[in-house]
Amino acid sequence: MKITYIHHSSFLIELETMTLLFDYTEGVLPEIRRDKPLLVFASHRHGDHYSEKVLDLIREYKGIRYIFSDDIWRSGLPAEILGDITSMKPGQEQKFWFENGGVLENPLKDKEADIQVVTYRSTDEGVAFLIKAEGKTLYHAGDLNNWYWEGEPADWNANMARDYSAEIDKMKGMEIDVAFLPLDPRQEEAFCLGLDEFMRKVCVSHVFPMHLWGDFSVIAKLKEMEISAPYRERIEDIQKDGDCYLVD
């Protein structure tokens, strides 16, 4: 698969039979093939994860399906494209089938689903996505993270850690080919708590840090820390918007 880092928490993943776009708000979109279905994901309504710009893609790509967290209210979306939007709440599973260039929610007789999407509850807003397609498993965390903040009450941070662990434990021991995980420099010394716990509990082959707010130095910072020794070789070194990676 080909993975392009677009900006902040947005990635484009090109598979053999489909293209996946996550949490696009700004940045240069690579050329997207029109002969494959395009699935556009938005993990929640925050302005750094969702923009109405993605709704314009339907004018260019006919084989498109939007998969949005249900906190992006359907009442605020254009009525004419509601049939192309799937809203998912936390803890939900949805399968999709490709037919005649389109993406269908309803099962096709005697045909295995082309893609399966499972959602997890974010510790902030919306959902995280776990995706199975073409024999691969992908995970995009959205804002599911251990949001420990200096200055917050101790019980607030303790509850945050508990809630995060509860969601990640649902994936404990799972084998994931590619994971996109927050590594937020604004958390200062707590910047890697969520990523570190995820990597210790889940078997991930390639991890792409995101939610960096343009500070790519935190990737090298984590890789230099002793705690990352068991998994540092699996952390991709994103340097700038537009970086591309080929992943088996």
Foldseek 3Di string as FASTA:
>chain_A
DKWAFFAFQWIWDDDPAEIEIFQDQDGDDDDDDQQHAYEYEFQADDNSRDDCVVVVCCVVHVAYAYEYACNVPPVPDDPVCPVRYHYDYAFDKFFWADDPSHIHRDDDPPDDTQKMWHWHQALPDGTKIWMDHPNAIETRGNRRFQQDAPPDDPVVSVVSVVVSCVRLLVQFAPEHAEYEEEQECNRPPCRCVGVLVNVVGHHYQAYEYGNHNPPLVVLVVVLPDPSCVVPNVRYDRDDDHGDMDDGD
